[in-house]
N, C-alpha and C. Protein backbone atom coordinates (compact mmCIF):
# COMPACT_ATOMS: atom_id res chain seq x y z
N UNK A 1 -20.33 29.86 -5.44
CA UNK A 1 -19.32 28.89 -5.87
C UNK A 1 -19.38 28.78 -7.40
N UNK A 2 -18.25 29.00 -8.08
CA UNK A 2 -18.24 28.85 -9.53
C UNK A 2 -17.87 27.42 -9.90
N UNK A 3 -17.86 27.10 -11.18
CA UNK A 3 -17.63 25.73 -11.64
C UNK A 3 -16.25 25.20 -11.26
N UNK A 4 -15.28 26.08 -11.00
CA UNK A 4 -13.93 25.60 -10.69
C UNK A 4 -13.60 25.68 -9.20
N UNK A 5 -14.58 26.04 -8.37
CA UNK A 5 -14.36 26.06 -6.93
C UNK A 5 -14.73 24.70 -6.38
N UNK A 6 -13.80 24.05 -5.67
CA UNK A 6 -14.10 22.70 -5.18
C UNK A 6 -15.22 22.71 -4.16
N UNK A 7 -16.11 21.75 -4.26
CA UNK A 7 -17.17 21.60 -3.29
C UNK A 7 -16.68 20.80 -2.10
N UNK A 8 -17.53 20.63 -1.14
CA UNK A 8 -17.19 19.86 0.04
C UNK A 8 -16.48 20.70 1.07
N UNK A 9 -16.27 20.08 2.23
CA UNK A 9 -15.58 20.78 3.31
C UNK A 9 -14.99 19.78 4.27
N UNK A 10 -14.11 20.26 5.12
CA UNK A 10 -13.48 19.44 6.15
C UNK A 10 -14.36 19.50 7.39
N UNK A 11 -14.70 18.35 7.95
CA UNK A 11 -15.46 18.28 9.20
C UNK A 11 -14.46 18.23 10.34
N UNK A 12 -14.26 19.38 10.99
CA UNK A 12 -13.27 19.50 12.06
C UNK A 12 -13.60 18.64 13.28
N UNK A 13 -14.83 18.19 13.39
CA UNK A 13 -15.22 17.33 14.52
C UNK A 13 -14.67 15.91 14.36
N UNK A 14 -14.30 15.55 13.14
CA UNK A 14 -13.75 14.22 12.88
C UNK A 14 -12.24 14.22 13.07
N UNK A 15 -11.69 13.05 13.34
CA UNK A 15 -10.25 12.88 13.50
C UNK A 15 -9.64 12.45 12.17
N UNK A 16 -8.54 13.08 11.79
CA UNK A 16 -7.83 12.71 10.57
C UNK A 16 -7.26 11.31 10.69
N UNK A 17 -7.47 10.50 9.66
CA UNK A 17 -6.83 9.18 9.57
C UNK A 17 -5.61 9.36 8.67
N UNK A 18 -4.40 9.38 9.24
CA UNK A 18 -3.21 9.58 8.41
C UNK A 18 -3.06 8.47 7.37
N UNK A 19 -2.67 8.86 6.18
CA UNK A 19 -2.45 7.94 5.07
C UNK A 19 -0.94 7.78 4.89
N UNK A 20 -0.50 6.55 4.61
CA UNK A 20 0.92 6.29 4.32
C UNK A 20 1.16 6.63 2.85
N UNK A 21 1.88 7.74 2.62
CA UNK A 21 2.08 8.28 1.27
C UNK A 21 3.56 8.30 0.91
N UNK A 22 3.89 7.82 -0.28
CA UNK A 22 5.25 7.88 -0.80
C UNK A 22 5.31 8.92 -1.92
N UNK A 23 6.45 9.59 -2.01
CA UNK A 23 6.67 10.63 -3.03
C UNK A 23 7.78 10.17 -3.96
N UNK A 24 7.49 10.15 -5.25
CA UNK A 24 8.47 9.71 -6.25
C UNK A 24 8.71 10.83 -7.26
N UNK A 25 9.96 11.28 -7.31
CA UNK A 25 10.37 12.26 -8.32
C UNK A 25 10.94 11.48 -9.51
N UNK A 26 10.48 11.84 -10.69
CA UNK A 26 10.94 11.18 -11.92
C UNK A 26 11.67 12.22 -12.74
N UNK A 27 13.00 12.04 -12.85
CA UNK A 27 13.82 13.04 -13.53
C UNK A 27 15.19 12.47 -13.86
N UNK A 28 15.71 12.87 -15.01
CA UNK A 28 17.08 12.51 -15.40
C UNK A 28 18.09 13.50 -14.86
N UNK A 29 17.63 14.64 -14.35
CA UNK A 29 18.56 15.71 -13.98
C UNK A 29 18.54 16.09 -12.50
N UNK A 30 17.52 15.73 -11.78
CA UNK A 30 17.42 16.16 -10.37
C UNK A 30 18.09 15.18 -9.43
N UNK A 31 18.63 15.75 -8.34
CA UNK A 31 19.15 14.96 -7.24
C UNK A 31 18.49 15.49 -5.97
N UNK A 32 18.87 14.96 -4.79
CA UNK A 32 18.23 15.40 -3.55
C UNK A 32 18.29 16.91 -3.35
N UNK A 33 19.40 17.51 -3.72
CA UNK A 33 19.56 18.95 -3.53
C UNK A 33 18.68 19.77 -4.47
N UNK A 34 18.58 19.35 -5.71
CA UNK A 34 17.84 20.13 -6.71
C UNK A 34 16.38 19.70 -6.88
N UNK A 35 15.95 18.72 -6.12
CA UNK A 35 14.59 18.20 -6.25
C UNK A 35 13.60 19.05 -5.45
N UNK A 36 13.34 20.26 -5.92
CA UNK A 36 12.45 21.16 -5.18
C UNK A 36 10.99 20.69 -5.20
N UNK A 37 10.54 20.10 -6.30
CA UNK A 37 9.14 19.66 -6.36
C UNK A 37 8.89 18.46 -5.45
N UNK A 38 9.82 17.53 -5.40
CA UNK A 38 9.68 16.38 -4.51
C UNK A 38 9.72 16.80 -3.04
N UNK A 39 10.62 17.73 -2.74
CA UNK A 39 10.71 18.24 -1.36
C UNK A 39 9.43 18.97 -0.97
N UNK A 40 8.92 19.80 -1.88
CA UNK A 40 7.69 20.54 -1.64
C UNK A 40 6.52 19.58 -1.40
N UNK A 41 6.43 18.56 -2.20
CA UNK A 41 5.36 17.57 -2.06
C UNK A 41 5.48 16.83 -0.73
N UNK A 42 6.69 16.42 -0.36
CA UNK A 42 6.90 15.72 0.92
C UNK A 42 6.50 16.63 2.09
N UNK A 43 6.84 17.90 2.01
CA UNK A 43 6.47 18.85 3.07
C UNK A 43 4.95 18.99 3.18
N UNK A 44 4.29 19.00 2.05
CA UNK A 44 2.83 19.14 2.07
C UNK A 44 2.18 17.87 2.62
N UNK A 45 2.72 16.72 2.29
CA UNK A 45 2.19 15.45 2.80
C UNK A 45 2.25 15.43 4.33
N UNK A 46 3.41 15.71 4.89
CA UNK A 46 3.56 15.69 6.35
C UNK A 46 2.82 16.85 7.00
N UNK A 47 2.80 18.00 6.34
CA UNK A 47 2.08 19.15 6.86
C UNK A 47 0.58 18.91 6.96
N UNK A 48 0.06 18.02 6.12
CA UNK A 48 -1.36 17.67 6.15
C UNK A 48 -1.66 16.59 7.19
N UNK A 49 -0.62 16.14 7.91
CA UNK A 49 -0.82 15.15 8.96
C UNK A 49 -0.68 13.70 8.52
N UNK A 50 -0.18 13.49 7.31
CA UNK A 50 0.00 12.13 6.81
C UNK A 50 1.41 11.63 7.12
N UNK A 51 1.62 10.34 6.94
CA UNK A 51 2.94 9.74 7.13
C UNK A 51 3.66 9.70 5.78
N UNK A 52 4.86 10.28 5.74
CA UNK A 52 5.69 10.16 4.54
C UNK A 52 6.35 8.80 4.62
N UNK A 53 5.78 7.83 3.92
CA UNK A 53 6.25 6.44 4.00
C UNK A 53 7.60 6.27 3.33
N UNK A 54 7.86 7.04 2.28
CA UNK A 54 9.12 6.94 1.55
C UNK A 54 9.22 8.10 0.57
N UNK A 55 10.44 8.36 0.14
CA UNK A 55 10.69 9.38 -0.88
C UNK A 55 11.88 8.91 -1.71
N UNK A 56 11.77 9.02 -3.03
CA UNK A 56 12.85 8.57 -3.90
C UNK A 56 12.87 9.38 -5.20
N UNK A 57 14.00 9.28 -5.89
CA UNK A 57 14.16 9.87 -7.21
C UNK A 57 14.59 8.75 -8.15
N UNK A 58 13.90 8.64 -9.29
CA UNK A 58 14.31 7.67 -10.32
C UNK A 58 14.41 8.40 -11.65
N UNK A 59 15.17 7.82 -12.56
CA UNK A 59 15.31 8.39 -13.90
C UNK A 59 14.02 8.22 -14.71
N UNK A 60 13.92 8.96 -15.80
CA UNK A 60 12.81 8.80 -16.74
C UNK A 60 13.01 7.49 -17.49
N UNK A 61 12.72 6.40 -16.81
CA UNK A 61 12.93 5.06 -17.36
C UNK A 61 11.74 4.20 -16.93
N UNK A 62 11.05 3.62 -17.89
CA UNK A 62 9.83 2.85 -17.61
C UNK A 62 10.06 1.80 -16.54
N UNK A 63 11.10 1.00 -16.67
CA UNK A 63 11.32 -0.09 -15.71
C UNK A 63 11.68 0.42 -14.32
N UNK A 64 12.47 1.50 -14.23
CA UNK A 64 12.81 2.07 -12.91
C UNK A 64 11.56 2.62 -12.23
N UNK A 65 10.74 3.31 -12.98
CA UNK A 65 9.50 3.88 -12.42
C UNK A 65 8.60 2.75 -11.93
N UNK A 66 8.35 1.77 -12.77
CA UNK A 66 7.48 0.65 -12.38
C UNK A 66 8.04 -0.09 -11.19
N UNK A 67 9.34 -0.32 -11.19
CA UNK A 67 9.96 -1.06 -10.09
C UNK A 67 9.76 -0.38 -8.75
N UNK A 68 9.95 0.94 -8.72
CA UNK A 68 9.78 1.67 -7.46
C UNK A 68 8.33 1.68 -7.01
N UNK A 69 7.41 1.94 -7.94
CA UNK A 69 5.99 1.95 -7.59
C UNK A 69 5.56 0.59 -7.06
N UNK A 70 5.92 -0.46 -7.75
CA UNK A 70 5.51 -1.81 -7.32
C UNK A 70 6.14 -2.21 -5.99
N UNK A 71 7.36 -1.78 -5.73
CA UNK A 71 8.00 -2.07 -4.44
C UNK A 71 7.23 -1.39 -3.31
N UNK A 72 6.84 -0.14 -3.51
CA UNK A 72 6.07 0.56 -2.48
C UNK A 72 4.69 -0.04 -2.29
N UNK A 73 4.05 -0.45 -3.37
CA UNK A 73 2.74 -1.10 -3.26
C UNK A 73 2.88 -2.38 -2.44
N UNK A 74 3.91 -3.15 -2.72
CA UNK A 74 4.17 -4.40 -1.99
C UNK A 74 4.43 -4.13 -0.51
N UNK A 75 5.05 -2.98 -0.20
CA UNK A 75 5.35 -2.61 1.19
C UNK A 75 4.15 -2.03 1.92
N UNK A 76 3.01 -1.93 1.27
CA UNK A 76 1.79 -1.46 1.93
C UNK A 76 1.57 0.04 1.93
N UNK A 77 2.28 0.76 1.07
CA UNK A 77 2.02 2.19 0.93
C UNK A 77 0.58 2.35 0.43
N UNK A 78 -0.14 3.32 0.97
CA UNK A 78 -1.55 3.49 0.62
C UNK A 78 -1.76 4.46 -0.54
N UNK A 79 -0.82 5.38 -0.74
CA UNK A 79 -0.92 6.33 -1.86
C UNK A 79 0.49 6.71 -2.29
N UNK A 80 0.67 6.90 -3.57
CA UNK A 80 1.94 7.35 -4.15
C UNK A 80 1.63 8.58 -4.98
N UNK A 81 2.44 9.62 -4.80
CA UNK A 81 2.31 10.81 -5.63
C UNK A 81 3.63 10.99 -6.36
N UNK A 82 3.58 10.98 -7.68
CA UNK A 82 4.79 11.18 -8.46
C UNK A 82 4.82 12.61 -8.99
N UNK A 83 6.02 13.09 -9.24
CA UNK A 83 6.20 14.41 -9.84
C UNK A 83 7.24 14.28 -10.94
N UNK A 84 6.85 14.68 -12.14
CA UNK A 84 7.77 14.64 -13.28
C UNK A 84 7.43 13.56 -14.28
N UNK A 85 7.90 13.79 -15.51
CA UNK A 85 7.78 12.80 -16.57
C UNK A 85 6.42 12.71 -17.22
N UNK A 86 5.53 13.69 -16.96
CA UNK A 86 4.19 13.62 -17.55
C UNK A 86 4.04 14.50 -18.79
N UNK A 87 5.13 15.10 -19.23
CA UNK A 87 5.07 16.00 -20.38
C UNK A 87 4.98 15.25 -21.70
N UNK A 88 5.30 15.96 -22.78
CA UNK A 88 5.13 15.38 -24.12
C UNK A 88 6.45 15.22 -24.87
N UNK A 89 7.58 15.40 -24.18
CA UNK A 89 8.86 15.20 -24.85
C UNK A 89 9.19 13.71 -24.91
N UNK A 90 10.19 13.39 -25.66
CA UNK A 90 10.58 11.99 -25.83
C UNK A 90 10.97 11.28 -24.55
N UNK A 91 11.55 12.00 -23.60
CA UNK A 91 12.00 11.38 -22.34
C UNK A 91 10.88 11.26 -21.30
N UNK A 92 9.75 11.90 -21.52
CA UNK A 92 8.65 11.86 -20.55
C UNK A 92 7.88 10.55 -20.70
N UNK A 93 8.08 9.62 -19.75
CA UNK A 93 7.49 8.29 -19.88
C UNK A 93 6.66 7.86 -18.68
N UNK A 94 6.34 8.78 -17.79
CA UNK A 94 5.57 8.39 -16.60
C UNK A 94 4.23 7.75 -16.96
N UNK A 95 3.41 8.32 -17.84
CA UNK A 95 2.15 7.65 -18.17
C UNK A 95 2.35 6.26 -18.79
N UNK A 96 3.36 6.13 -19.63
CA UNK A 96 3.63 4.82 -20.25
C UNK A 96 4.07 3.79 -19.20
N UNK A 97 4.77 4.25 -18.17
CA UNK A 97 5.22 3.35 -17.10
C UNK A 97 4.09 2.98 -16.16
N UNK A 98 3.26 3.94 -15.79
CA UNK A 98 2.26 3.74 -14.74
C UNK A 98 0.93 3.20 -15.25
N UNK A 99 0.44 3.72 -16.35
CA UNK A 99 -0.90 3.33 -16.81
C UNK A 99 -1.09 1.81 -16.92
N UNK A 100 -0.14 1.04 -17.46
CA UNK A 100 -0.35 -0.41 -17.54
C UNK A 100 -0.46 -1.10 -16.17
N UNK A 101 -0.02 -0.44 -15.10
CA UNK A 101 -0.11 -1.03 -13.76
C UNK A 101 -1.48 -0.85 -13.15
N UNK A 102 -2.28 0.08 -13.68
CA UNK A 102 -3.57 0.39 -13.08
C UNK A 102 -4.55 -0.77 -13.17
N UNK A 103 -5.19 -1.07 -12.05
CA UNK A 103 -6.35 -1.95 -12.04
C UNK A 103 -7.56 -1.14 -12.50
N UNK A 104 -7.58 0.14 -12.06
CA UNK A 104 -8.61 1.08 -12.48
C UNK A 104 -7.97 2.44 -12.61
N UNK A 105 -8.32 3.16 -13.68
CA UNK A 105 -7.85 4.53 -13.85
C UNK A 105 -8.91 5.48 -13.28
N UNK A 106 -8.46 6.54 -12.65
CA UNK A 106 -9.36 7.56 -12.10
C UNK A 106 -9.40 8.68 -13.14
N UNK A 107 -10.26 8.52 -14.12
CA UNK A 107 -10.32 9.44 -15.26
C UNK A 107 -10.57 10.89 -14.84
N UNK A 108 -11.39 11.09 -13.83
CA UNK A 108 -11.74 12.44 -13.41
C UNK A 108 -10.56 13.22 -12.86
N UNK A 109 -9.52 12.53 -12.36
CA UNK A 109 -8.37 13.24 -11.82
C UNK A 109 -7.73 14.13 -12.88
N UNK A 110 -7.50 13.59 -14.05
CA UNK A 110 -6.87 14.37 -15.12
C UNK A 110 -7.72 15.57 -15.49
N UNK A 111 -9.02 15.37 -15.57
CA UNK A 111 -9.94 16.45 -15.92
C UNK A 111 -9.86 17.56 -14.88
N UNK A 112 -9.99 17.19 -13.61
CA UNK A 112 -9.98 18.19 -12.55
C UNK A 112 -8.61 18.86 -12.45
N UNK A 113 -7.53 18.07 -12.57
CA UNK A 113 -6.20 18.67 -12.53
C UNK A 113 -6.05 19.73 -13.62
N UNK A 114 -6.50 19.43 -14.83
CA UNK A 114 -6.38 20.39 -15.93
C UNK A 114 -7.24 21.63 -15.70
N UNK A 115 -8.41 21.48 -15.10
CA UNK A 115 -9.23 22.64 -14.78
C UNK A 115 -8.50 23.57 -13.80
N UNK A 116 -7.91 22.97 -12.78
CA UNK A 116 -7.17 23.73 -11.77
C UNK A 116 -5.91 24.35 -12.39
N UNK A 117 -5.19 23.55 -13.15
CA UNK A 117 -3.95 23.99 -13.77
C UNK A 117 -4.19 25.12 -14.76
N UNK A 118 -5.30 25.07 -15.47
CA UNK A 118 -5.65 26.11 -16.44
C UNK A 118 -5.73 27.47 -15.76
N UNK A 119 -6.22 27.50 -14.53
CA UNK A 119 -6.31 28.76 -13.78
C UNK A 119 -4.91 29.32 -13.50
N UNK A 120 -3.91 28.45 -13.38
CA UNK A 120 -2.54 28.89 -13.07
C UNK A 120 -1.70 29.16 -14.32
N UNK A 121 -1.76 28.24 -15.29
CA UNK A 121 -0.85 28.33 -16.44
C UNK A 121 -1.54 28.46 -17.79
N UNK A 122 -2.85 28.59 -17.77
CA UNK A 122 -3.58 28.74 -19.03
C UNK A 122 -3.45 27.51 -19.91
N UNK A 123 -3.37 27.75 -21.20
CA UNK A 123 -3.34 26.65 -22.17
C UNK A 123 -2.09 25.78 -22.07
N UNK A 124 -1.08 26.23 -21.35
CA UNK A 124 0.12 25.39 -21.17
C UNK A 124 -0.22 24.08 -20.46
N UNK A 125 -1.37 24.01 -19.80
CA UNK A 125 -1.78 22.76 -19.16
C UNK A 125 -1.91 21.62 -20.18
N UNK A 126 -2.10 21.97 -21.45
CA UNK A 126 -2.21 20.94 -22.50
C UNK A 126 -0.94 20.09 -22.61
N UNK A 127 0.18 20.61 -22.13
CA UNK A 127 1.45 19.90 -22.24
C UNK A 127 1.63 18.83 -21.17
N UNK A 128 0.66 18.69 -20.28
CA UNK A 128 0.73 17.70 -19.21
C UNK A 128 -0.16 16.51 -19.49
N UNK A 129 0.34 15.35 -19.13
CA UNK A 129 -0.45 14.12 -19.21
C UNK A 129 -0.65 13.57 -17.80
N UNK A 130 -1.02 14.44 -16.85
CA UNK A 130 -1.27 14.03 -15.48
C UNK A 130 -2.33 12.93 -15.46
N UNK A 131 -2.18 11.97 -14.54
CA UNK A 131 -3.11 10.86 -14.48
C UNK A 131 -3.13 10.28 -13.07
N UNK A 132 -4.11 9.44 -12.80
CA UNK A 132 -4.21 8.77 -11.51
C UNK A 132 -4.96 7.46 -11.68
N UNK A 133 -4.72 6.56 -10.75
CA UNK A 133 -5.41 5.28 -10.77
C UNK A 133 -5.09 4.48 -9.52
N UNK A 134 -5.52 3.24 -9.55
CA UNK A 134 -5.33 2.34 -8.42
C UNK A 134 -4.48 1.16 -8.88
N UNK A 135 -3.41 0.89 -8.12
CA UNK A 135 -2.52 -0.25 -8.38
C UNK A 135 -2.58 -1.15 -7.15
N UNK A 136 -3.23 -2.29 -7.28
CA UNK A 136 -3.34 -3.27 -6.19
C UNK A 136 -3.72 -2.60 -4.87
N UNK A 137 -4.76 -1.80 -4.89
CA UNK A 137 -5.27 -1.17 -3.68
C UNK A 137 -4.56 0.09 -3.24
N UNK A 138 -3.60 0.58 -4.02
CA UNK A 138 -2.85 1.79 -3.70
C UNK A 138 -3.20 2.88 -4.71
N UNK A 139 -3.57 4.06 -4.21
CA UNK A 139 -3.81 5.19 -5.10
C UNK A 139 -2.48 5.71 -5.64
N UNK A 140 -2.42 5.98 -6.94
CA UNK A 140 -1.22 6.55 -7.56
C UNK A 140 -1.65 7.79 -8.34
N UNK A 141 -1.05 8.93 -7.98
CA UNK A 141 -1.32 10.20 -8.63
C UNK A 141 -0.04 10.67 -9.31
N UNK A 142 -0.09 10.99 -10.58
CA UNK A 142 1.08 11.42 -11.34
C UNK A 142 0.93 12.88 -11.76
N UNK A 143 1.79 13.72 -11.18
CA UNK A 143 1.77 15.15 -11.43
C UNK A 143 2.96 15.57 -12.29
N UNK A 144 2.84 16.69 -12.97
CA UNK A 144 4.00 17.26 -13.66
C UNK A 144 5.10 17.62 -12.65
N UNK A 145 6.29 17.93 -13.15
CA UNK A 145 7.44 18.14 -12.29
C UNK A 145 7.68 19.54 -11.78
N UNK A 146 6.86 20.50 -12.12
CA UNK A 146 7.09 21.87 -11.65
C UNK A 146 6.52 22.07 -10.25
N UNK A 147 7.09 23.03 -9.53
CA UNK A 147 6.57 23.36 -8.20
C UNK A 147 5.12 23.82 -8.29
N UNK A 148 4.80 24.60 -9.31
CA UNK A 148 3.43 25.08 -9.49
C UNK A 148 2.45 23.93 -9.69
N UNK A 149 2.84 22.94 -10.47
CA UNK A 149 1.97 21.79 -10.70
C UNK A 149 1.78 20.97 -9.42
N UNK A 150 2.84 20.86 -8.63
CA UNK A 150 2.74 20.15 -7.35
C UNK A 150 1.77 20.89 -6.43
N UNK A 151 1.90 22.21 -6.37
CA UNK A 151 0.99 23.01 -5.53
C UNK A 151 -0.45 22.85 -6.00
N UNK A 152 -0.68 23.01 -7.31
CA UNK A 152 -2.03 22.86 -7.84
C UNK A 152 -2.57 21.45 -7.58
N UNK A 153 -1.78 20.44 -7.90
CA UNK A 153 -2.23 19.06 -7.77
C UNK A 153 -2.50 18.65 -6.33
N UNK A 154 -1.55 18.97 -5.43
CA UNK A 154 -1.73 18.57 -4.03
C UNK A 154 -2.76 19.47 -3.36
N UNK A 155 -2.53 20.77 -3.39
CA UNK A 155 -3.35 21.70 -2.62
C UNK A 155 -4.80 21.74 -3.08
N UNK A 156 -5.03 21.64 -4.38
CA UNK A 156 -6.37 21.87 -4.91
C UNK A 156 -7.12 20.61 -5.33
N UNK A 157 -6.42 19.45 -5.33
CA UNK A 157 -7.09 18.23 -5.77
C UNK A 157 -6.84 17.07 -4.79
N UNK A 158 -5.60 16.66 -4.66
CA UNK A 158 -5.28 15.44 -3.92
C UNK A 158 -5.51 15.57 -2.42
N UNK A 159 -5.08 16.67 -1.82
CA UNK A 159 -5.13 16.83 -0.36
C UNK A 159 -6.53 16.56 0.19
N UNK A 160 -7.55 17.14 -0.40
CA UNK A 160 -8.91 16.96 0.10
C UNK A 160 -9.38 15.52 -0.04
N UNK A 161 -9.01 14.87 -1.14
CA UNK A 161 -9.46 13.50 -1.35
C UNK A 161 -8.72 12.49 -0.47
N UNK A 162 -7.55 12.85 0.02
CA UNK A 162 -6.82 11.98 0.95
C UNK A 162 -7.01 12.42 2.40
N UNK A 163 -7.98 13.28 2.64
CA UNK A 163 -8.31 13.72 3.99
C UNK A 163 -9.61 13.03 4.40
N UNK A 164 -9.53 12.16 5.40
CA UNK A 164 -10.67 11.37 5.84
C UNK A 164 -11.81 12.22 6.39
N UNK A 165 -11.54 13.48 6.67
CA UNK A 165 -12.56 14.38 7.22
C UNK A 165 -13.31 15.14 6.14
N UNK A 166 -12.88 14.99 4.88
CA UNK A 166 -13.49 15.74 3.77
C UNK A 166 -14.83 15.12 3.38
N UNK A 167 -15.82 15.97 3.23
CA UNK A 167 -17.12 15.50 2.82
C UNK A 167 -17.63 16.29 1.64
N UNK A 168 -18.52 15.78 0.88
CA UNK A 168 -19.38 14.68 1.28
C UNK A 168 -18.73 13.30 1.19
N UNK A 169 -17.62 13.16 0.48
CA UNK A 169 -16.94 11.87 0.43
C UNK A 169 -15.46 12.10 0.13
N UNK A 170 -14.67 11.05 0.33
CA UNK A 170 -13.23 11.13 0.07
C UNK A 170 -12.71 9.74 -0.28
N UNK A 171 -11.49 9.67 -0.77
CA UNK A 171 -10.92 8.40 -1.19
C UNK A 171 -10.47 7.53 -0.01
N UNK A 172 -10.19 8.14 1.12
CA UNK A 172 -9.74 7.37 2.29
C UNK A 172 -10.81 6.40 2.73
N UNK A 173 -12.07 6.82 2.71
CA UNK A 173 -13.14 5.93 3.14
C UNK A 173 -13.32 4.75 2.18
N UNK A 174 -12.79 4.85 0.97
CA UNK A 174 -12.89 3.76 0.00
C UNK A 174 -11.74 2.76 0.14
N UNK A 175 -10.67 3.13 0.82
CA UNK A 175 -9.47 2.27 0.88
C UNK A 175 -9.77 0.82 1.32
N UNK A 176 -10.59 0.60 2.34
CA UNK A 176 -10.84 -0.79 2.74
C UNK A 176 -11.54 -1.62 1.68
N UNK A 177 -12.17 -0.96 0.70
CA UNK A 177 -12.97 -1.67 -0.29
C UNK A 177 -12.28 -1.76 -1.66
N UNK A 178 -11.08 -1.23 -1.80
CA UNK A 178 -10.44 -1.19 -3.12
C UNK A 178 -10.13 -2.57 -3.71
N UNK A 179 -9.95 -3.54 -2.85
CA UNK A 179 -9.58 -4.88 -3.35
C UNK A 179 -10.75 -5.85 -3.36
N UNK A 180 -11.98 -5.33 -3.20
CA UNK A 180 -13.16 -6.19 -3.23
C UNK A 180 -13.28 -6.87 -4.59
N UNK A 181 -13.79 -8.08 -4.53
CA UNK A 181 -14.02 -8.82 -5.78
C UNK A 181 -15.47 -8.75 -6.16
């Protein structure tokens, strides 16, 4: 196993605990027909045995992004995965919208995402501001908007951590304790 090969494994003897996951595409140009990254992410969520709690597209607008995330958190969604708006152009505002909502930021997510992304796109990974954290007991993962970034982020990072059978540990087992005082 090299430094970029994920450790841990799935214990097939355990039963998967499906997570209620919402998918949010952030884009000024995509609609349901052209939203390939959101569709890909939704397919991967359900393909992994989770419940697709909701799917939406919002513009690159701080208030629209926050409003949708907070509505889903209020509705009891357990995890939200966003795609888009994490770049460095003027319209990319996902980190500015989401980061202030975090009760806790998951700093390691960005590090691991960039390690994985580097294997796919090399130094172009520097153009992403992918991030993750917890908003009122809900995990929020923010990925870039490309299909490749969705594949890297879901397949190589998020999927295992949202799989209750993954060991030695996973984020699902922490869900009951996220709101502890």
